[in-house]
Full PDB file with SEQRES, HELIX, SHEET, SSBOND, CRYST1, ORIGX, SCALE, CONECT and MASTER records, all heavy atoms in Angstrom:
SEQRES   1 A   31  LEU LEU PHE SER GLY ALA PRO ILE GLY VAL SER THR PHE          
SEQRES   2 A   31  GLY ASN GLY VAL SER SER PRO ASN VAL GLN ILE PRO ARG          
SEQRES   3 A   31  ILE GLY ALA THR GLY                                          
CRYST1    1.000    1.000    1.000  90.00  90.00  90.00 P 1           1          
ORIGX1      1.000000  0.000000  0.000000        0.00000                         
ORIGX2      0.000000  1.000000  0.000000        0.00000                         
ORIGX3      0.000000  0.000000  1.000000        0.00000                         
SCALE1      1.000000  0.000000  0.000000        0.00000                         
SCALE2      0.000000  1.000000  0.000000        0.00000                         
SCALE3      0.000000  0.000000  1.000000        0.00000                         
ATOM      1  N   LEU A   1     -38.489 -64.948 -25.548  1.00  0.00           N  
ATOM      2  CA  LEU A   1     -37.696 -64.548 -26.699  1.00  0.00           C  
ATOM      3  C   LEU A   1     -38.328 -63.309 -27.308  1.00  0.00           C  
ATOM      4  O   LEU A   1     -39.529 -63.288 -27.584  1.00  0.00           O  
ATOM      5  CB  LEU A   1     -37.645 -65.653 -27.749  1.00  0.00           C  
ATOM      6  CG  LEU A   1     -36.925 -66.929 -27.348  1.00  0.00           C  
ATOM      7  CD1 LEU A   1     -37.068 -67.968 -28.450  1.00  0.00           C  
ATOM      8  CD2 LEU A   1     -35.461 -66.640 -27.085  1.00  0.00           C  
ATOM      9  N   LEU A   2     -37.529 -62.282 -27.511  1.00  0.00           N  
ATOM     10  CA  LEU A   2     -38.001 -61.058 -28.139  1.00  0.00           C  
ATOM     11  C   LEU A   2     -37.318 -60.886 -29.478  1.00  0.00           C  
ATOM     12  O   LEU A   2     -36.115 -61.108 -29.602  1.00  0.00           O  
ATOM     13  CB  LEU A   2     -37.706 -59.849 -27.248  1.00  0.00           C  
ATOM     14  CG  LEU A   2     -38.372 -59.844 -25.885  1.00  0.00           C  
ATOM     15  CD1 LEU A   2     -37.877 -58.658 -25.073  1.00  0.00           C  
ATOM     16  CD2 LEU A   2     -39.866 -59.796 -26.032  1.00  0.00           C  
ATOM     17  N   PHE A   3     -38.077 -60.474 -30.478  1.00  0.00           N  
ATOM     18  CA  PHE A   3     -37.539 -60.247 -31.805  1.00  0.00           C  
ATOM     19  C   PHE A   3     -37.832 -58.815 -32.199  1.00  0.00           C  
ATOM     20  O   PHE A   3     -38.927 -58.315 -31.966  1.00  0.00           O  
ATOM     21  CB  PHE A   3     -38.156 -61.207 -32.825  1.00  0.00           C  
ATOM     22  CG  PHE A   3     -37.830 -62.636 -32.569  1.00  0.00           C  
ATOM     23  CD1 PHE A   3     -38.688 -63.445 -31.843  1.00  0.00           C  
ATOM     24  CD2 PHE A   3     -36.656 -63.190 -33.037  1.00  0.00           C  
ATOM     25  CE1 PHE A   3     -38.398 -64.773 -31.603  1.00  0.00           C  
ATOM     26  CE2 PHE A   3     -36.346 -64.511 -32.800  1.00  0.00           C  
ATOM     27  CZ  PHE A   3     -37.220 -65.305 -32.080  1.00  0.00           C  
ATOM     28  N   SER A   4     -36.874 -58.184 -32.825  1.00  0.00           N  
ATOM     29  CA  SER A   4     -37.055 -56.828 -33.315  1.00  0.00           C  
ATOM     30  C   SER A   4     -37.356 -56.872 -34.803  1.00  0.00           C  
ATOM     31  O   SER A   4     -36.795 -57.675 -35.535  1.00  0.00           O  
ATOM     32  CB  SER A   4     -35.772 -56.008 -33.081  1.00  0.00           C  
ATOM     33  OG  SER A   4     -35.864 -54.772 -33.745  1.00  0.00           O  
ATOM     34  N   GLY A   5     -38.241 -55.989 -35.251  1.00  0.00           N  
ATOM     35  CA  GLY A   5     -38.528 -55.893 -36.674  1.00  0.00           C  
ATOM     36  C   GLY A   5     -37.577 -54.962 -37.393  1.00  0.00           C  
ATOM     37  O   GLY A   5     -37.654 -54.795 -38.600  1.00  0.00           O  
ATOM     38  N   ALA A   6     -36.666 -54.323 -36.645  1.00  0.00           N  
ATOM     39  CA  ALA A   6     -35.719 -53.392 -37.252  1.00  0.00           C  
ATOM     40  C   ALA A   6     -34.640 -54.154 -38.025  1.00  0.00           C  
ATOM     41  O   ALA A   6     -34.203 -55.220 -37.610  1.00  0.00           O  
ATOM     42  CB  ALA A   6     -35.064 -52.526 -36.183  1.00  0.00           C  
ATOM     43  N   PRO A   7     -34.211 -53.606 -39.160  1.00  0.00           N  
ATOM     44  CA  PRO A   7     -33.114 -54.233 -39.899  1.00  0.00           C  
ATOM     45  C   PRO A   7     -31.831 -54.264 -39.050  1.00  0.00           C  
ATOM     46  O   PRO A   7     -31.645 -53.422 -38.162  1.00  0.00           O  
ATOM     47  CB  PRO A   7     -32.936 -53.325 -41.116  1.00  0.00           C  
ATOM     48  CG  PRO A   7     -34.204 -52.553 -41.225  1.00  0.00           C  
ATOM     49  CD  PRO A   7     -34.723 -52.420 -39.834  1.00  0.00           C  
ATOM     50  N   ILE A   8     -30.949 -55.186 -39.341  1.00  0.00           N  
ATOM     51  CA  ILE A   8     -29.681 -55.297 -38.618  1.00  0.00           C  
ATOM     52  C   ILE A   8     -28.883 -54.007 -38.790  1.00  0.00           C  
ATOM     53  O   ILE A   8     -28.729 -53.496 -39.904  1.00  0.00           O  
ATOM     54  CB  ILE A   8     -28.871 -56.504 -39.131  1.00  0.00           C  
ATOM     55  CG1 ILE A   8     -29.616 -57.794 -38.805  1.00  0.00           C  
ATOM     56  CG2 ILE A   8     -27.466 -56.529 -38.537  1.00  0.00           C  
ATOM     57  CD1 ILE A   8     -29.028 -59.023 -39.446  1.00  0.00           C  
ATOM     58  N   GLY A   9     -28.389 -53.476 -37.669  1.00  0.00           N  
ATOM     59  CA  GLY A   9     -27.551 -52.280 -37.695  1.00  0.00           C  
ATOM     60  C   GLY A   9     -28.315 -50.975 -37.795  1.00  0.00           C  
ATOM     61  O   GLY A   9     -27.711 -49.927 -37.992  1.00  0.00           O  
ATOM     62  N   VAL A  10     -29.646 -51.002 -37.655  1.00  0.00           N  
ATOM     63  CA  VAL A  10     -30.460 -49.790 -37.778  1.00  0.00           C  
ATOM     64  C   VAL A  10     -31.226 -49.549 -36.485  1.00  0.00           C  
ATOM     65  O   VAL A  10     -31.845 -50.474 -35.950  1.00  0.00           O  
ATOM     66  CB  VAL A  10     -31.451 -49.903 -38.955  1.00  0.00           C  
ATOM     67  CG1 VAL A  10     -32.352 -48.688 -39.042  1.00  0.00           C  
ATOM     68  CG2 VAL A  10     -30.704 -50.114 -40.265  1.00  0.00           C  
ATOM     69  N   SER A  11     -31.172 -48.321 -35.960  1.00  0.00           N  
ATOM     70  CA  SER A  11     -31.936 -47.963 -34.771  1.00  0.00           C  
ATOM     71  C   SER A  11     -32.288 -46.481 -34.834  1.00  0.00           C  
ATOM     72  O   SER A  11     -31.716 -45.722 -35.620  1.00  0.00           O  
ATOM     73  CB  SER A  11     -31.131 -48.267 -33.499  1.00  0.00           C  
ATOM     74  OG  SER A  11     -29.918 -47.527 -33.486  1.00  0.00           O  
ATOM     75  N   THR A  12     -33.252 -46.078 -34.016  1.00  0.00           N  
ATOM     76  CA  THR A  12     -33.647 -44.674 -33.964  1.00  0.00           C  
ATOM     77  C   THR A  12     -33.246 -44.079 -32.625  1.00  0.00           C  
ATOM     78  O   THR A  12     -32.996 -44.803 -31.656  1.00  0.00           O  
ATOM     79  CB  THR A  12     -35.169 -44.504 -34.162  1.00  0.00           C  
ATOM     80  OG1 THR A  12     -35.858 -45.255 -33.181  1.00  0.00           O  
ATOM     81  CG2 THR A  12     -35.595 -44.938 -35.555  1.00  0.00           C  
ATOM     82  N   PHE A  13     -33.209 -42.744 -32.586  1.00  0.00           N  
ATOM     83  CA  PHE A  13     -32.870 -42.033 -31.358  1.00  0.00           C  
ATOM     84  C   PHE A  13     -33.501 -40.647 -31.401  1.00  0.00           C  
ATOM     85  O   PHE A  13     -33.890 -40.162 -32.461  1.00  0.00           O  
ATOM     86  CB  PHE A  13     -31.345 -41.937 -31.183  1.00  0.00           C  
ATOM     87  CG  PHE A  13     -30.662 -41.139 -32.255  1.00  0.00           C  
ATOM     88  CD1 PHE A  13     -30.376 -39.787 -32.059  1.00  0.00           C  
ATOM     89  CD2 PHE A  13     -30.311 -41.711 -33.466  1.00  0.00           C  
ATOM     90  CE1 PHE A  13     -29.759 -39.048 -33.052  1.00  0.00           C  
ATOM     91  CE2 PHE A  13     -29.690 -40.976 -34.462  1.00  0.00           C  
ATOM     92  CZ  PHE A  13     -29.406 -39.641 -34.251  1.00  0.00           C  
ATOM     93  N   GLY A  14     -33.571 -40.009 -30.255  1.00  0.00           N  
ATOM     94  CA  GLY A  14     -34.112 -38.653 -30.180  1.00  0.00           C  
ATOM     95  C   GLY A  14     -35.620 -38.639 -30.351  1.00  0.00           C  
ATOM     96  O   GLY A  14     -36.283 -39.675 -30.323  1.00  0.00           O  
ATOM     97  N   ASN A  15     -36.152 -37.433 -30.532  1.00  0.00           N  
ATOM     98  CA  ASN A  15     -37.593 -37.245 -30.644  1.00  0.00           C  
ATOM     99  C   ASN A  15     -37.936 -36.500 -31.915  1.00  0.00           C  
ATOM    100  O   ASN A  15     -37.233 -35.582 -32.302  1.00  0.00           O  
ATOM    101  CB  ASN A  15     -38.122 -36.443 -29.455  1.00  0.00           C  
ATOM    102  CG  ASN A  15     -37.943 -37.178 -28.153  1.00  0.00           C  
ATOM    103  OD1 ASN A  15     -38.347 -38.324 -28.033  1.00  0.00           O  
ATOM    104  ND2 ASN A  15     -37.319 -36.534 -27.184  1.00  0.00           N  
ATOM    105  N   GLY A  16     -39.043 -36.882 -32.521  1.00  0.00           N  
ATOM    106  CA  GLY A  16     -39.597 -36.134 -33.630  1.00  0.00           C  
ATOM    107  C   GLY A  16     -40.549 -35.075 -33.097  1.00  0.00           C  
ATOM    108  O   GLY A  16     -41.011 -35.159 -31.962  1.00  0.00           O  
ATOM    109  N   VAL A  17     -40.851 -34.079 -33.930  1.00  0.00           N  
ATOM    110  CA  VAL A  17     -41.739 -32.991 -33.531  1.00  0.00           C  
ATOM    111  C   VAL A  17     -42.707 -32.712 -34.674  1.00  0.00           C  
ATOM    112  O   VAL A  17     -42.297 -32.631 -35.836  1.00  0.00           O  
ATOM    113  CB  VAL A  17     -40.929 -31.715 -33.190  1.00  0.00           C  
ATOM    114  CG1 VAL A  17     -41.860 -30.552 -32.885  1.00  0.00           C  
ATOM    115  CG2 VAL A  17     -39.995 -31.972 -32.017  1.00  0.00           C  
ATOM    116  N   SER A  18     -43.980 -32.547 -34.345  1.00  0.00           N  
ATOM    117  CA  SER A  18     -44.989 -32.236 -35.359  1.00  0.00           C  
ATOM    118  C   SER A  18     -45.073 -30.730 -35.557  1.00  0.00           C  
ATOM    119  O   SER A  18     -44.549 -29.954 -34.773  1.00  0.00           O  
ATOM    120  CB  SER A  18     -46.347 -32.778 -34.924  1.00  0.00           C  
ATOM    121  OG  SER A  18     -46.787 -32.114 -33.759  1.00  0.00           O  
ATOM    122  N   SER A  19     -45.716 -30.335 -36.643  1.00  0.00           N  
ATOM    123  CA  SER A  19     -46.051 -28.932 -36.865  1.00  0.00           C  
ATOM    124  C   SER A  19     -47.567 -28.814 -36.721  1.00  0.00           C  
ATOM    125  O   SER A  19     -48.256 -29.820 -36.609  1.00  0.00           O  
ATOM    126  CB  SER A  19     -45.560 -28.462 -38.239  1.00  0.00           C  
ATOM    127  OG  SER A  19     -46.150 -29.221 -39.263  1.00  0.00           O  
ATOM    128  N   PRO A  20     -48.124 -27.590 -36.716  1.00  0.00           N  
ATOM    129  CA  PRO A  20     -49.577 -27.448 -36.524  1.00  0.00           C  
ATOM    130  C   PRO A  20     -50.377 -28.296 -37.517  1.00  0.00           C  
ATOM    131  O   PRO A  20     -50.092 -28.308 -38.710  1.00  0.00           O  
ATOM    132  CB  PRO A  20     -49.815 -25.957 -36.761  1.00  0.00           C  
ATOM    133  CG  PRO A  20     -48.515 -25.316 -36.419  1.00  0.00           C  
ATOM    134  CD  PRO A  20     -47.461 -26.306 -36.848  1.00  0.00           C  
ATOM    135  N   ASN A  21     -51.338 -29.018 -37.008  1.00  0.00           N  
ATOM    136  CA  ASN A  21     -52.245 -29.856 -37.799  1.00  0.00           C  
ATOM    137  C   ASN A  21     -51.556 -30.989 -38.551  1.00  0.00           C  
ATOM    138  O   ASN A  21     -52.083 -31.500 -39.528  1.00  0.00           O  
ATOM    139  CB  ASN A  21     -53.062 -29.012 -38.788  1.00  0.00           C  
ATOM    140  CG  ASN A  21     -53.864 -27.947 -38.076  1.00  0.00           C  
ATOM    141  OD1 ASN A  21     -54.465 -28.209 -37.043  1.00  0.00           O  
ATOM    142  ND2 ASN A  21     -53.853 -26.752 -38.616  1.00  0.00           N  
ATOM    143  N   VAL A  22     -50.355 -31.348 -38.142  1.00  0.00           N  
ATOM    144  CA  VAL A  22     -49.609 -32.433 -38.783  1.00  0.00           C  
ATOM    145  C   VAL A  22     -49.035 -33.321 -37.679  1.00  0.00           C  
ATOM    146  O   VAL A  22     -48.539 -32.823 -36.681  1.00  0.00           O  
ATOM    147  CB  VAL A  22     -48.456 -31.877 -39.659  1.00  0.00           C  
ATOM    148  CG1 VAL A  22     -47.635 -32.999 -40.263  1.00  0.00           C  
ATOM    149  CG2 VAL A  22     -48.994 -30.974 -40.741  1.00  0.00           C  
ATOM    150  N   GLN A  23     -49.110 -34.634 -37.874  1.00  0.00           N  
ATOM    151  CA  GLN A  23     -48.541 -35.534 -36.876  1.00  0.00           C  
ATOM    152  C   GLN A  23     -47.019 -35.584 -36.986  1.00  0.00           C  
ATOM    153  O   GLN A  23     -46.435 -35.022 -37.912  1.00  0.00           O  
ATOM    154  CB  GLN A  23     -49.152 -36.914 -37.012  1.00  0.00           C  
ATOM    155  CG  GLN A  23     -48.975 -37.562 -38.370  1.00  0.00           C  
ATOM    156  CD  GLN A  23     -49.789 -38.837 -38.483  1.00  0.00           C  
ATOM    157  OE1 GLN A  23     -49.886 -39.602 -37.532  1.00  0.00           O  
ATOM    158  NE2 GLN A  23     -50.378 -39.071 -39.630  1.00  0.00           N  
ATOM    159  N   ILE A  24     -46.392 -36.257 -36.068  1.00  0.00           N  
ATOM    160  CA  ILE A  24     -44.927 -36.370 -36.089  1.00  0.00           C  
ATOM    161  C   ILE A  24     -44.529 -37.249 -37.270  1.00  0.00           C  
ATOM    162  O   ILE A  24     -44.989 -38.387 -37.390  1.00  0.00           O  
ATOM    163  CB  ILE A  24     -44.407 -36.979 -34.774  1.00  0.00           C  
ATOM    164  CG1 ILE A  24     -44.719 -36.051 -33.597  1.00  0.00           C  
ATOM    165  CG2 ILE A  24     -42.904 -37.241 -34.863  1.00  0.00           C  
ATOM    166  CD1 ILE A  24     -44.403 -36.646 -32.243  1.00  0.00           C  
ATOM    167  N   PRO A  25     -43.679 -36.722 -38.179  1.00  0.00           N  
ATOM    168  CA  PRO A  25     -43.246 -37.542 -39.314  1.00  0.00           C  
ATOM    169  C   PRO A  25     -42.354 -38.692 -38.846  1.00  0.00           C  
ATOM    170  O   PRO A  25     -41.716 -38.610 -37.804  1.00  0.00           O  
ATOM    171  CB  PRO A  25     -42.482 -36.555 -40.200  1.00  0.00           C  
ATOM    172  CG  PRO A  25     -42.107 -35.428 -39.314  1.00  0.00           C  
ATOM    173  CD  PRO A  25     -43.094 -35.386 -38.202  1.00  0.00           C  
ATOM    174  N   ARG A  26     -42.312 -39.752 -39.647  1.00  0.00           N  
ATOM    175  CA  ARG A  26     -41.573 -40.951 -39.267  1.00  0.00           C  
ATOM    176  C   ARG A  26     -40.422 -41.207 -40.240  1.00  0.00           C  
ATOM    177  O   ARG A  26     -40.583 -41.097 -41.445  1.00  0.00           O  
ATOM    178  CB  ARG A  26     -42.518 -42.141 -39.267  1.00  0.00           C  
ATOM    179  CG  ARG A  26     -41.821 -43.447 -38.902  1.00  0.00           C  
ATOM    180  CD  ARG A  26     -42.782 -44.571 -38.796  1.00  0.00           C  
ATOM    181  NE  ARG A  26     -43.495 -44.403 -37.539  1.00  0.00           N  
ATOM    182  CZ  ARG A  26     -44.574 -45.113 -37.215  1.00  0.00           C  
ATOM    183  NH1 ARG A  26     -45.064 -45.993 -38.046  1.00  0.00           N  
ATOM    184  NH2 ARG A  26     -45.145 -44.929 -36.056  1.00  0.00           N  
ATOM    185  N   ILE A  27     -39.270 -41.565 -39.678  1.00  0.00           N  
ATOM    186  CA  ILE A  27     -38.109 -41.977 -40.466  1.00  0.00           C  
ATOM    187  C   ILE A  27     -38.000 -43.496 -40.382  1.00  0.00           C  
ATOM    188  O   ILE A  27     -38.347 -44.095 -39.362  1.00  0.00           O  
ATOM    189  CB  ILE A  27     -36.811 -41.301 -39.962  1.00  0.00           C  
ATOM    190  CG1 ILE A  27     -35.652 -41.543 -40.927  1.00  0.00           C  
ATOM    191  CG2 ILE A  27     -36.471 -41.740 -38.542  1.00  0.00           C  
ATOM    192  CD1 ILE A  27     -34.408 -40.702 -40.626  1.00  0.00           C  
ATOM    193  N   GLY A  28     -37.549 -44.121 -41.457  1.00  0.00           N  
ATOM    194  CA  GLY A  28     -37.366 -45.561 -41.461  1.00  0.00           C  
ATOM    195  C   GLY A  28     -36.395 -45.966 -42.544  1.00  0.00           C  
ATOM    196  O   GLY A  28     -35.983 -45.153 -43.371  1.00  0.00           O  
ATOM    197  N   ALA A  29     -36.015 -47.216 -42.522  1.00  0.00           N  
ATOM    198  CA  ALA A  29     -35.081 -47.751 -43.515  1.00  0.00           C  
ATOM    199  C   ALA A  29     -35.620 -49.055 -44.066  1.00  0.00           C  
ATOM    200  O   ALA A  29     -36.284 -49.810 -43.356  1.00  0.00           O  
ATOM    201  CB  ALA A  29     -33.713 -47.978 -42.890  1.00  0.00           C  
ATOM    202  N   THR A  30     -35.324 -49.308 -45.318  1.00  0.00           N  
ATOM    203  CA  THR A  30     -35.700 -50.566 -45.949  1.00  0.00           C  
ATOM    204  C   THR A  30     -34.457 -51.447 -45.975  1.00  0.00           C  
ATOM    205  O   THR A  30     -33.537 -51.207 -46.742  1.00  0.00           O  
ATOM    206  CB  THR A  30     -36.221 -50.325 -47.382  1.00  0.00           C  
ATOM    207  OG1 THR A  30     -37.291 -49.387 -47.327  1.00  0.00           O  
ATOM    208  CG2 THR A  30     -36.699 -51.616 -48.009  1.00  0.00           C  
ATOM    209  N   GLY A  31     -34.415 -52.420 -45.098  1.00  0.00           N  
ATOM    210  CA  GLY A  31     -33.259 -53.302 -45.025  1.00  0.00           C  
ATOM    211  C   GLY A  31     -32.097 -52.673 -44.282  1.00  0.00           C  
ATOM    212  O   GLY A  31     -32.215 -51.612 -43.670  1.00  0.00           O  
TER     213      GLY A  31                                                      
MASTER        0    0    0    0    0    0    0    6  212    1    0    3          
END                                                                             
């Protein structure tokens, strides 16, 4: 059995990109 921690109806796609000396920023949703 696999469970996702993502809220119902929410998913991500594509790729993020960092800038110099900065990591890739993250998008997310609360609920």
